[in-house]
Amino acid sequence: MLELKPMIHKFKMKDTYYCLDVNSGIIHVIDELTDKVLDIYDGTNKEEVHATLDHVEGPEALRDLLADIDELIKNEMLFAPMSEDFKLVVDEKPIVKALCLNIAHDCNLACKYCFASQGDYGGVKRELMPFDVAKRSVDWLIETSGPRQHLEIDFFGGEPLMNWDVVKQTIEYVEEQAKIHNKIFKMTMTTNGLLLDQEKIDYLNDHHLSMVLSLDGRKDVHNAMRPSAGGKDTFDVISKNLVNAVNQRGDMEYYVRGTFTHNNLDFVDDVLTMSDLGFHHLSMEPVVGDDNEYALREEDLPRIYEEYEKLADLYLERQKAGWGEKFNFFHFRMDLYRGPCMAKRLRGCGAGHEYMAIVPNGDIYPCHQFVGKEDYILGNIYTGLVNEEIPRLFRHTHVFSKQDCADCWAKFFCSGGCHSNNITYGGGLDKPFEMGCALQKKRIECAIMIQSELEEAGLDGGVDAPWDQPEVFKAQKENLCV
């Protein structure tokens, strides 16, 4: 086990200085002097601070500020130790709680960046999942979930609506078995929307499925990257279908999810397009890949950072103007204070031990990102798990088992990143994908800035503060906000 050191992260955005205490999750808004002092001070080296800054700031001001910092350290609000609870989480054996049902290994789109190779997952046979396989998958999840009551199933593809009859049969079977076994299922449909007609909208709403809907923003951007399998433009049909679906969602959960690439680094315009269409819950994800004309490159990072800050300013402007849930950008709505449970902070999505993917022939994979990679087949829903080594390895791969993650201030927000991306693009399970890390860190900083400004404006930004101290976000009036 790596050493678990107290850690802070400081950054400046919009002329304001911020300090995140990594282990406690507490955010301080600080002034420039405090920022300078925390470049030096670690709780033990006052003499070094005075030797470096006395001639600039004066010894008395520094003594007062260091006393304030020491009080925060004493109260574990700065340089806080890591909670010992992590040891219990690392040693526990999770149980399967979620399945991704690859209900259709086929697709009616030919998206250029598709990790699933337009549905066949790099040469896997194009086929639809029979109901018998879907039914057995539901039974297997119930059997392996033990006493856990809350379970999840995501209908995925390819394009799951191409196997609509089996989707309906499976939903109804899930509802039947949930009553028998006292389980509560959350079901989600991930769809490109091309086949999303009124009959399907009504059915999905009647059965309370969450929906993830794919659209890449502006018409020309979407059509360039998401043509039909026959090469035709799809924006007009898909956007019309998605608008129709979302207008009937009520308060049921959905996200409209886009992807930005090297070719649309001005992706704020794509977010605005989706908002103008009437979509409230939005996500714009960076493309993952390399060695192609649309892949993100290291030289793109300054431009992407600028765009995230532009989007953060837009988000703030709209929240302060009373948009609320009418403009909800997924990556800026982090619960910065409590966040997910300790297990999720350490291990992320739980791929390979809490979450698994089932393909049409019943084979089990750690997640949909591994489908088609034979070395990662864990077993089959008719024979059970055969490969116990990969689940064990994934379970014991967490932010404290990887040196790069253990030393990173963002580890409790990204949980070490995606296993598949790390293996494919980072160089190994324990080697984070650097592009993904860089973008995640920037999004977190934007979320911190947004939350602090919303708190300052008396708005909650959709998350709750961890303690009743609104003055935490008023450091402009103090040397150090406490």
Protein backbone atom coordinates (compact mmCIF):
# COMPACT_ATOMS: atom_id res chain seq x y z
CA MET A 1 0.00 0.00 0.00
CA LEU A 2 1.32 3.42 -0.94
CA GLU A 3 1.86 6.17 1.61
CA LEU A 4 -1.28 8.26 2.10
CA LYS A 5 -0.02 11.80 2.48
CA PRO A 6 -2.01 14.92 3.35
CA MET A 7 -2.35 16.97 0.19
CA ILE A 8 -3.74 20.24 -1.10
CA HIS A 9 -4.35 21.56 -4.59
CA LYS A 10 -4.29 25.28 -5.41
CA PHE A 11 -5.31 27.01 -8.61
CA LYS A 12 -6.47 30.38 -9.90
CA MET A 13 -9.48 31.05 -12.11
CA LYS A 14 -11.20 34.33 -12.93
CA ASP A 15 -8.81 36.28 -10.64
CA THR A 16 -9.76 34.14 -7.66
CA TYR A 17 -7.51 31.73 -5.79
CA TYR A 18 -8.80 28.35 -4.65
CA CYS A 19 -7.41 25.66 -2.38
CA LEU A 20 -8.82 22.13 -2.19
CA ASP A 21 -7.89 20.01 0.80
CA VAL A 22 -7.73 16.65 -0.93
CA ASN A 23 -8.39 14.20 1.88
CA SER A 24 -11.24 16.11 3.53
CA GLY A 25 -12.71 17.48 0.30
CA ILE A 26 -13.02 20.94 1.86
CA ILE A 27 -12.68 23.88 -0.53
CA HIS A 28 -11.23 27.21 0.57
CA VAL A 29 -11.34 30.42 -1.41
CA ILE A 30 -8.13 32.26 -0.52
CA ASP A 31 -6.29 35.47 -1.29
CA GLU A 32 -2.99 35.96 -3.09
CA LEU A 33 -0.92 36.09 0.10
CA THR A 34 -2.34 32.80 1.35
CA ASP A 35 -1.63 31.29 -2.04
CA LYS A 36 2.02 32.37 -1.75
CA VAL A 37 2.32 31.05 1.80
CA LEU A 38 0.82 27.67 0.88
CA ASP A 39 3.42 27.36 -1.86
CA ILE A 40 5.89 27.01 1.02
CA TYR A 41 4.13 26.02 4.22
CA ASP A 42 3.33 22.38 5.00
CA GLY A 43 2.44 22.83 8.67
CA THR A 44 5.97 22.44 9.99
CA ASN A 45 8.27 25.00 8.34
CA LYS A 46 7.33 28.48 9.61
CA GLU A 47 10.96 29.59 9.53
CA GLU A 48 11.15 28.95 5.79
CA VAL A 49 8.00 31.01 5.21
CA HIS A 50 9.37 33.96 7.17
CA ALA A 51 12.79 33.73 5.53
CA THR A 52 11.18 33.78 2.10
CA LEU A 53 8.39 36.33 2.57
CA ASP A 54 9.16 38.59 5.59
CA HIS A 55 10.83 41.23 3.45
CA VAL A 56 7.81 41.33 1.11
CA GLU A 57 4.79 40.87 3.36
CA GLY A 58 6.07 41.69 6.83
CA PRO A 59 6.54 39.25 9.73
CA GLU A 60 3.41 40.29 11.66
CA ALA A 61 1.01 39.63 8.78
CA LEU A 62 2.67 36.28 8.18
CA ARG A 63 2.45 35.30 11.87
CA ASP A 64 -1.28 36.02 11.91
CA LEU A 65 -1.87 34.11 8.69
CA LEU A 66 0.19 31.12 9.81
CA ALA A 67 -1.83 31.01 13.05
CA ASP A 68 -5.04 30.86 11.00
CA ILE A 69 -3.61 28.09 8.85
CA ASP A 70 -2.49 26.15 11.92
CA GLU A 71 -6.03 26.34 13.29
CA LEU A 72 -7.37 24.85 10.07
CA ILE A 73 -4.76 22.09 10.20
CA LYS A 74 -5.70 21.35 13.82
CA ASN A 75 -9.36 21.06 12.82
CA GLU A 76 -8.44 18.80 9.86
CA MET A 77 -9.71 21.31 7.32
CA LEU A 78 -6.29 21.69 5.71
CA PHE A 79 -3.61 19.01 5.22
CA ALA A 80 -6.17 16.60 6.65
CA PRO A 81 -5.17 12.96 7.17
CA MET A 82 -6.75 10.27 5.04
CA SER A 83 -9.74 8.58 6.66
CA GLU A 84 -8.94 5.11 7.94
CA ASP A 85 -12.25 3.95 6.45
CA PHE A 86 -10.51 3.39 3.14
CA LYS A 87 -8.87 0.24 4.52
CA LEU A 88 -12.26 -1.38 5.07
CA VAL A 89 -13.30 -0.51 1.52
CA VAL A 90 -10.09 -1.81 -0.03
CA ASP A 91 -10.43 -5.15 1.75
CA GLU A 92 -14.16 -5.71 1.23
CA LYS A 93 -15.44 -8.04 -1.50
CA PRO A 94 -18.08 -6.21 -3.55
CA ILE A 95 -21.02 -8.03 -5.11
CA VAL A 96 -22.43 -7.60 -8.61
CA LYS A 97 -25.07 -4.88 -8.64
CA ALA A 98 -25.30 -3.72 -12.28
CA LEU A 99 -25.35 -5.21 -15.76
CA CYS A 100 -24.90 -3.69 -19.18
CA LEU A 101 -26.99 -5.81 -21.53
CA ASN A 102 -25.54 -5.54 -25.05
CA ILE A 103 -28.97 -6.31 -26.37
CA ALA A 104 -27.97 -5.64 -29.98
CA HIS A 105 -24.56 -6.17 -31.56
CA ASP A 106 -25.62 -4.17 -34.56
CA CYS A 107 -26.27 -0.51 -35.30
CA ASN A 108 -28.11 1.68 -37.78
CA LEU A 109 -25.46 4.41 -37.49
CA ALA A 110 -21.81 4.38 -38.54
CA CYS A 111 -20.31 6.85 -36.07
CA LYS A 112 -16.69 7.47 -36.97
CA TYR A 113 -15.43 7.44 -33.37
CA CYS A 114 -17.48 4.42 -32.23
CA PHE A 115 -15.48 2.25 -29.81
CA ALA A 116 -17.85 -0.61 -30.72
CA SER A 117 -16.95 -0.48 -34.44
CA GLN A 118 -20.54 0.47 -35.39
CA GLY A 119 -21.92 -2.43 -33.38
CA ASP A 120 -19.73 -5.43 -34.11
CA TYR A 121 -17.09 -4.64 -31.47
CA GLY A 122 -14.07 -5.09 -33.73
CA GLY A 123 -15.23 -8.16 -35.63
CA VAL A 124 -17.53 -9.88 -33.13
CA LYS A 125 -20.51 -11.40 -34.92
CA ARG A 126 -23.37 -8.98 -35.62
CA GLU A 127 -26.35 -10.44 -33.78
CA LEU A 128 -29.27 -9.62 -31.53
CA MET A 129 -29.58 -10.98 -28.01
CA PRO A 130 -32.27 -13.68 -27.70
CA PHE A 131 -34.74 -13.25 -24.87
CA ASP A 132 -33.50 -16.46 -23.25
CA VAL A 133 -30.06 -14.86 -22.78
CA ALA A 134 -31.55 -11.62 -21.48
CA LYS A 135 -33.83 -13.54 -19.11
CA ARG A 136 -30.95 -15.64 -17.78
CA SER A 137 -28.88 -12.46 -17.35
CA VAL A 138 -31.57 -10.98 -15.12
CA ASP A 139 -31.73 -14.19 -13.09
CA TRP A 140 -27.94 -14.26 -12.77
CA LEU A 141 -27.84 -10.66 -11.52
CA ILE A 142 -30.47 -11.41 -8.90
CA GLU A 143 -28.62 -14.57 -7.82
CA THR A 144 -25.22 -12.88 -7.54
CA SER A 145 -26.45 -9.67 -5.91
CA GLY A 146 -27.07 -11.39 -2.59
CA PRO A 147 -28.85 -9.16 -0.05
CA ARG A 148 -28.36 -6.00 -2.11
CA GLN A 149 -31.79 -4.56 -2.93
CA HIS A 150 -30.97 -1.84 -5.47
CA LEU A 151 -29.82 -3.15 -8.86
CA GLU A 152 -29.25 -1.61 -12.29
CA ILE A 153 -29.61 -2.71 -15.90
CA ASP A 154 -28.59 -0.66 -18.94
CA PHE A 155 -29.92 -1.65 -22.35
CA PHE A 156 -26.97 -1.01 -24.65
CA GLY A 157 -25.65 -1.84 -28.10
CA GLY A 158 -24.90 -1.19 -30.92
CA GLU A 159 -28.39 0.22 -30.99
CA PRO A 160 -30.75 -1.50 -28.53
CA LEU A 161 -33.90 -0.32 -30.30
CA MET A 162 -32.99 -2.68 -33.15
CA ASN A 163 -33.98 -5.49 -30.76
CA TRP A 164 -37.13 -3.84 -29.47
CA ASP A 165 -39.25 -6.94 -28.85
CA VAL A 166 -36.57 -8.46 -26.60
CA VAL A 167 -36.12 -5.13 -24.81
CA LYS A 168 -39.83 -5.10 -23.96
CA GLN A 169 -39.85 -8.74 -22.88
CA THR A 170 -36.84 -8.13 -20.65
CA ILE A 171 -38.28 -5.02 -19.03
CA GLU A 172 -41.45 -6.86 -18.15
CA TYR A 173 -39.48 -9.84 -16.82
CA VAL A 174 -37.37 -7.52 -14.66
CA GLU A 175 -40.50 -5.94 -13.19
CA GLU A 176 -41.98 -9.37 -12.47
CA GLN A 177 -38.83 -10.70 -10.80
CA ALA A 178 -38.28 -7.50 -8.81
CA LYS A 179 -41.56 -8.13 -6.98
CA ILE A 180 -40.77 -11.79 -6.37
CA HIS A 181 -37.26 -11.17 -5.01
CA ASN A 182 -37.85 -7.81 -3.29
CA LYS A 183 -35.41 -6.00 -5.57
CA ILE A 184 -35.57 -2.42 -6.85
CA PHE A 185 -34.26 -2.06 -10.40
CA LYS A 186 -33.14 1.10 -12.11
CA MET A 187 -33.29 0.51 -15.86
CA THR A 188 -31.64 2.75 -18.47
CA MET A 189 -31.82 2.84 -22.24
CA THR A 190 -28.83 4.19 -24.18
CA THR A 191 -29.97 5.00 -27.72
CA ASN A 192 -29.02 7.03 -30.77
CA GLY A 193 -32.70 7.89 -31.22
CA LEU A 194 -33.04 7.02 -34.90
CA LEU A 195 -35.83 4.49 -34.18
CA LEU A 196 -37.33 6.36 -31.24
CA ASP A 197 -40.94 6.65 -32.43
CA GLN A 198 -44.01 7.46 -30.35
CA GLU A 199 -44.81 3.85 -29.49
CA LYS A 200 -41.35 3.34 -28.02
CA ILE A 201 -41.40 6.67 -26.19
CA ASP A 202 -44.73 5.79 -24.56
CA TYR A 203 -43.53 2.35 -23.53
CA LEU A 204 -40.22 3.57 -22.04
CA ASN A 205 -42.01 6.33 -20.14
CA ASP A 206 -44.72 3.99 -18.88
CA HIS A 207 -42.02 1.70 -17.48
CA HIS A 208 -39.97 4.58 -16.04
CA LEU A 209 -36.69 3.93 -17.82
CA SER A 210 -33.94 6.52 -17.61
CA MET A 211 -32.61 7.53 -21.01
CA VAL A 212 -29.20 8.43 -22.41
CA LEU A 213 -29.71 10.06 -25.81
CA SER A 214 -26.90 10.73 -28.27
CA LEU A 215 -26.59 13.95 -30.27
CA ASP A 216 -23.39 15.82 -31.16
CA GLY A 217 -24.76 19.35 -31.08
CA ARG A 218 -24.65 21.41 -34.26
CA LYS A 219 -26.12 19.90 -37.40
CA ASP A 220 -22.88 19.91 -39.41
CA VAL A 221 -20.86 18.50 -36.50
CA HIS A 222 -23.37 15.72 -35.85
CA ASN A 223 -23.75 14.76 -39.52
CA ALA A 224 -19.98 14.67 -40.03
CA MET A 225 -19.43 12.16 -37.20
CA ARG A 226 -22.75 10.28 -36.89
CA PRO A 227 -23.99 9.27 -40.37
CA SER A 228 -26.39 6.39 -40.89
CA ALA A 229 -25.08 2.95 -41.74
CA GLY A 230 -25.89 3.85 -45.36
CA GLY A 231 -23.92 7.10 -45.16
CA LYS A 232 -26.86 9.51 -44.93
CA ASP A 233 -27.20 12.55 -42.67
CA THR A 234 -29.13 11.82 -39.47
CA PHE A 235 -29.37 15.10 -37.55
CA ASP A 236 -32.83 16.15 -38.71
CA VAL A 237 -34.50 12.83 -37.91
CA ILE A 238 -32.66 12.19 -34.64
CA SER A 239 -33.02 15.71 -33.24
CA LYS A 240 -36.77 15.64 -33.99
CA ASN A 241 -37.13 12.25 -32.27
CA LEU A 242 -35.13 13.35 -29.22
CA VAL A 243 -37.08 16.59 -28.84
CA ASN A 244 -40.32 14.61 -28.99
CA ALA A 245 -39.04 12.13 -26.41
CA VAL A 246 -37.67 14.71 -23.98
CA ASN A 247 -40.83 16.84 -24.15
CA GLN A 248 -42.72 13.85 -22.73
CA ARG A 249 -40.22 12.91 -20.02
CA GLY A 250 -41.68 15.03 -17.24
CA ASP A 251 -39.43 14.60 -14.22
CA MET A 252 -38.00 11.27 -15.41
CA GLU A 253 -34.22 11.13 -15.74
CA TYR A 254 -32.47 11.67 -19.05
CA TYR A 255 -29.23 13.04 -20.48
CA VAL A 256 -28.51 14.20 -24.01
CA ARG A 257 -24.91 13.21 -24.55
CA GLY A 258 -22.56 14.58 -27.21
CA THR A 259 -18.95 13.93 -28.13
CA PHE A 260 -16.40 16.54 -29.10
CA THR A 261 -13.31 15.83 -31.19
CA HIS A 262 -10.30 17.67 -32.60
CA ASN A 263 -12.66 18.95 -35.30
CA ASN A 264 -15.02 20.79 -32.93
CA LEU A 265 -12.90 22.19 -30.13
CA ASP A 266 -15.45 25.03 -29.99
CA PHE A 267 -17.87 22.58 -28.39
CA VAL A 268 -19.63 25.22 -26.30
CA ASP A 269 -21.56 26.02 -29.48
CA ASP A 270 -22.68 22.38 -29.59
CA VAL A 271 -23.85 22.55 -25.97
CA LEU A 272 -25.77 25.72 -26.82
CA THR A 273 -27.38 24.03 -29.82
CA MET A 274 -28.62 21.20 -27.61
CA SER A 275 -29.88 23.68 -25.03
CA ASP A 276 -31.67 25.69 -27.74
CA LEU A 277 -33.45 22.50 -28.81
CA GLY A 278 -34.95 22.37 -25.33
CA PHE A 279 -32.69 19.76 -23.71
CA HIS A 280 -32.00 20.58 -20.05
CA HIS A 281 -29.66 17.77 -18.97
CA LEU A 282 -26.53 17.80 -21.08
CA SER A 283 -23.15 16.15 -21.36
CA MET A 284 -20.37 16.74 -23.87
CA GLU A 285 -17.68 14.06 -23.65
CA PRO A 286 -14.17 14.16 -25.10
CA VAL A 287 -13.56 11.60 -27.82
CA VAL A 288 -11.27 8.75 -26.79
CA GLY A 289 -8.85 7.42 -29.36
CA ASP A 290 -5.59 8.08 -31.11
CA ASP A 291 -3.99 7.94 -34.53
CA ASN A 292 -6.88 9.43 -36.49
CA GLU A 293 -7.81 12.86 -37.80
CA TYR A 294 -10.40 13.58 -35.12
CA ALA A 295 -8.41 12.42 -32.06
CA LEU A 296 -7.60 14.96 -29.38
CA ARG A 297 -3.94 15.95 -29.16
CA GLU A 298 -1.75 17.40 -26.46
CA GLU A 299 -1.54 20.68 -28.37
CA ASP A 300 -5.36 20.91 -28.19
CA LEU A 301 -5.35 21.15 -24.38
CA PRO A 302 -5.02 24.96 -24.02
CA ARG A 303 -7.93 25.43 -26.43
CA ILE A 304 -10.03 22.81 -24.61
CA TYR A 305 -9.26 24.42 -21.22
CA GLU A 306 -10.36 27.76 -22.61
CA GLU A 307 -13.59 26.22 -23.86
CA TYR A 308 -14.35 24.58 -20.50
CA GLU A 309 -13.87 27.95 -18.78
CA LYS A 310 -16.16 29.57 -21.36
CA LEU A 311 -18.78 26.91 -20.64
CA ALA A 312 -18.32 27.39 -16.89
CA ASP A 313 -18.95 31.13 -17.28
CA LEU A 314 -22.08 30.40 -19.32
CA TYR A 315 -23.26 27.91 -16.72
CA LEU A 316 -22.77 30.45 -13.93
CA GLU A 317 -24.52 33.18 -15.89
CA ARG A 318 -27.54 31.00 -16.49
CA GLN A 319 -27.71 29.68 -12.92
CA LYS A 320 -27.58 33.22 -11.53
CA ALA A 321 -30.33 34.18 -13.99
CA GLY A 322 -32.58 31.46 -12.55
CA TRP A 323 -32.26 28.71 -15.16
CA GLY A 324 -31.72 26.05 -12.47
CA GLU A 325 -32.47 22.57 -13.81
CA LYS A 326 -33.14 24.00 -17.25
CA PHE A 327 -29.38 24.12 -17.86
CA ASN A 328 -27.64 21.21 -16.20
CA PHE A 329 -24.19 20.27 -17.49
CA PHE A 330 -23.20 16.86 -16.16
CA HIS A 331 -19.52 17.54 -15.45
CA PHE A 332 -20.22 20.74 -13.53
CA ARG A 333 -22.79 19.22 -11.19
CA MET A 334 -20.35 17.27 -9.04
CA ASP A 335 -21.17 16.83 -5.38
CA LEU A 336 -17.86 18.33 -4.36
CA TYR A 337 -18.45 17.87 -0.65
CA ARG A 338 -19.84 14.43 0.04
CA GLY A 339 -19.60 12.98 -3.44
CA PRO A 340 -20.03 9.25 -4.03
CA CYS A 341 -19.39 6.62 -1.39
CA MET A 342 -15.86 5.71 -0.39
CA ALA A 343 -15.84 2.59 -2.59
CA LYS A 344 -16.72 4.59 -5.70
CA ARG A 345 -14.13 7.24 -4.87
CA LEU A 346 -11.46 4.56 -4.66
CA ARG A 347 -12.47 2.20 -7.50
CA GLY A 348 -14.77 4.15 -9.79
CA CYS A 349 -17.48 2.34 -11.74
CA GLY A 350 -16.75 -1.12 -10.33
CA ALA A 351 -16.16 -2.71 -13.75
CA GLY A 352 -15.33 -6.39 -13.50
CA HIS A 353 -16.56 -6.94 -9.96
CA GLU A 354 -19.66 -4.81 -9.28
CA TYR A 355 -20.61 -4.02 -12.86
CA MET A 356 -20.38 -6.37 -15.86
CA ALA A 357 -21.51 -6.57 -19.48
CA ILE A 358 -23.37 -9.43 -21.14
CA VAL A 359 -23.23 -9.95 -24.92
CA PRO A 360 -25.78 -11.75 -27.13
CA ASN A 361 -24.23 -15.22 -26.71
CA GLY A 362 -24.21 -14.85 -22.91
CA ASP A 363 -20.49 -14.19 -22.46
CA ILE A 364 -19.60 -11.96 -19.53
CA TYR A 365 -17.08 -9.10 -19.82
CA PRO A 366 -15.84 -6.60 -17.19
CA CYS A 367 -17.77 -3.86 -19.03
CA HIS A 368 -18.95 -2.90 -22.52
CA GLN A 369 -15.55 -1.31 -23.26
CA PHE A 370 -13.87 -4.73 -23.10
CA VAL A 371 -16.31 -6.55 -25.38
CA GLY A 372 -14.52 -8.24 -28.28
CA LYS A 373 -11.28 -8.71 -26.33
CA GLU A 374 -11.20 -12.46 -25.75
CA ASP A 375 -8.65 -12.26 -22.94
CA TYR A 376 -11.26 -10.42 -20.87
CA ILE A 377 -14.11 -12.94 -21.14
CA LEU A 378 -15.00 -13.74 -17.52
CA GLY A 379 -17.40 -16.59 -18.19
CA ASN A 380 -20.95 -17.05 -19.42
CA ILE A 381 -24.30 -16.47 -17.74
CA TYR A 382 -25.11 -20.19 -18.18
CA THR A 383 -21.89 -21.44 -16.58
CA GLY A 384 -21.06 -18.55 -14.26
CA LEU A 385 -17.74 -16.77 -13.75
CA VAL A 386 -14.75 -18.83 -14.80
CA ASN A 387 -12.04 -16.19 -14.85
CA GLU A 388 -11.76 -15.09 -11.21
CA GLU A 389 -8.38 -13.41 -11.70
CA ILE A 390 -9.58 -10.35 -13.64
CA PRO A 391 -12.34 -9.48 -11.13
CA ARG A 392 -9.80 -9.88 -8.33
CA LEU A 393 -7.27 -7.71 -10.18
CA PHE A 394 -9.82 -5.01 -10.97
CA ARG A 395 -11.14 -5.05 -7.41
CA HIS A 396 -7.66 -4.46 -6.03
CA THR A 397 -6.80 -1.76 -8.56
CA HIS A 398 -7.74 1.55 -6.97
CA VAL A 399 -6.35 5.03 -6.46
CA PHE A 400 -4.01 3.90 -3.70
CA SER A 401 -2.54 0.98 -5.65
CA LYS A 402 -1.34 3.24 -8.50
CA GLN A 403 1.52 5.62 -7.80
CA ASP A 404 0.38 8.25 -10.29
CA CYS A 405 -3.10 8.30 -8.76
CA ALA A 406 -1.96 8.21 -5.14
CA ASP A 407 0.09 11.36 -5.79
CA CYS A 408 -2.74 13.13 -7.66
CA TRP A 409 -5.03 15.74 -6.10
CA ALA A 410 -7.99 14.68 -8.28
CA LYS A 411 -8.02 11.00 -7.32
CA PHE A 412 -11.24 11.08 -5.29
CA PHE A 413 -13.15 12.68 -8.18
CA CYS A 414 -11.93 10.51 -11.07
CA SER A 415 -11.31 7.30 -9.06
CA GLY A 416 -8.32 6.42 -11.20
CA GLY A 417 -10.06 6.72 -14.55
CA CYS A 418 -11.48 4.10 -16.88
CA HIS A 419 -9.75 0.69 -16.73
CA SER A 420 -10.21 0.16 -20.44
CA ASN A 421 -8.82 3.56 -21.41
CA ASN A 422 -5.89 3.09 -19.04
CA ILE A 423 -5.04 -0.27 -20.57
CA THR A 424 -5.56 0.83 -24.19
CA TYR A 425 -4.14 4.36 -24.11
CA GLY A 426 -2.29 4.70 -20.79
CA GLY A 427 -0.12 1.62 -21.17
CA GLY A 428 -1.53 -0.58 -18.41
CA LEU A 429 -4.17 -1.04 -15.75
CA ASP A 430 -2.06 0.95 -13.29
CA LYS A 431 -1.13 3.70 -15.78
CA PRO A 432 -3.75 6.45 -16.07
CA PHE A 433 -4.69 7.73 -19.53
CA GLU A 434 -2.99 11.14 -19.45
CA MET A 435 -5.36 12.98 -21.79
CA GLY A 436 -8.35 11.80 -19.77
CA CYS A 437 -6.63 12.91 -16.55
CA ALA A 438 -5.88 16.37 -17.90
CA LEU A 439 -9.45 16.99 -19.02
CA GLN A 440 -10.96 15.64 -15.83
CA LYS A 441 -8.78 17.91 -13.69
CA LYS A 442 -9.88 20.96 -15.65
CA ARG A 443 -13.56 20.03 -15.29
CA ILE A 444 -13.12 19.62 -11.54
CA GLU A 445 -11.49 23.03 -11.23
CA CYS A 446 -14.37 24.57 -13.18
CA ALA A 447 -16.87 22.81 -10.92
CA ILE A 448 -15.08 24.15 -7.82
CA MET A 449 -15.13 27.68 -9.21
CA ILE A 450 -18.81 27.40 -10.11
CA GLN A 451 -19.82 26.06 -6.72
CA SER A 452 -17.94 28.75 -4.83
CA GLU A 453 -19.49 31.56 -6.88
CA LEU A 454 -22.97 30.10 -6.51
CA GLU A 455 -22.48 29.84 -2.76
CA GLU A 456 -21.28 33.45 -2.71
CA ALA A 457 -24.43 34.43 -4.59
CA GLY A 458 -26.63 32.52 -2.13
CA LEU A 459 -27.39 29.72 -4.59
CA ASP A 460 -26.71 26.06 -3.89
CA GLY A 461 -25.81 24.94 -7.40
CA GLY A 462 -27.63 21.67 -6.90
CA VAL A 463 -25.47 20.25 -4.09
CA ASP A 464 -25.45 20.67 -0.33
CA ALA A 465 -22.61 22.11 1.72
CA PRO A 466 -21.06 19.73 4.27
CA TRP A 467 -21.29 22.12 7.18
CA ASP A 468 -23.24 25.26 8.05
CA GLN A 469 -20.43 27.69 7.26
CA PRO A 470 -21.37 29.86 4.29
CA GLU A 471 -18.34 31.99 5.08
CA VAL A 472 -16.18 29.20 3.63
CA PHE A 473 -16.67 30.92 0.28
CA LYS A 474 -15.94 34.51 1.36
CA ALA A 475 -12.15 34.58 1.38
CA GLN A 476 -11.99 37.81 -0.59
CA LYS A 477 -12.82 39.49 2.75
CA GLU A 478 -10.26 37.57 4.77
CA ASN A 479 -6.65 36.43 4.39
CA LEU A 480 -7.83 32.84 4.63
CA CYS A 481 -11.42 31.73 4.59
CA VAL A 482 -12.35 29.56 7.60
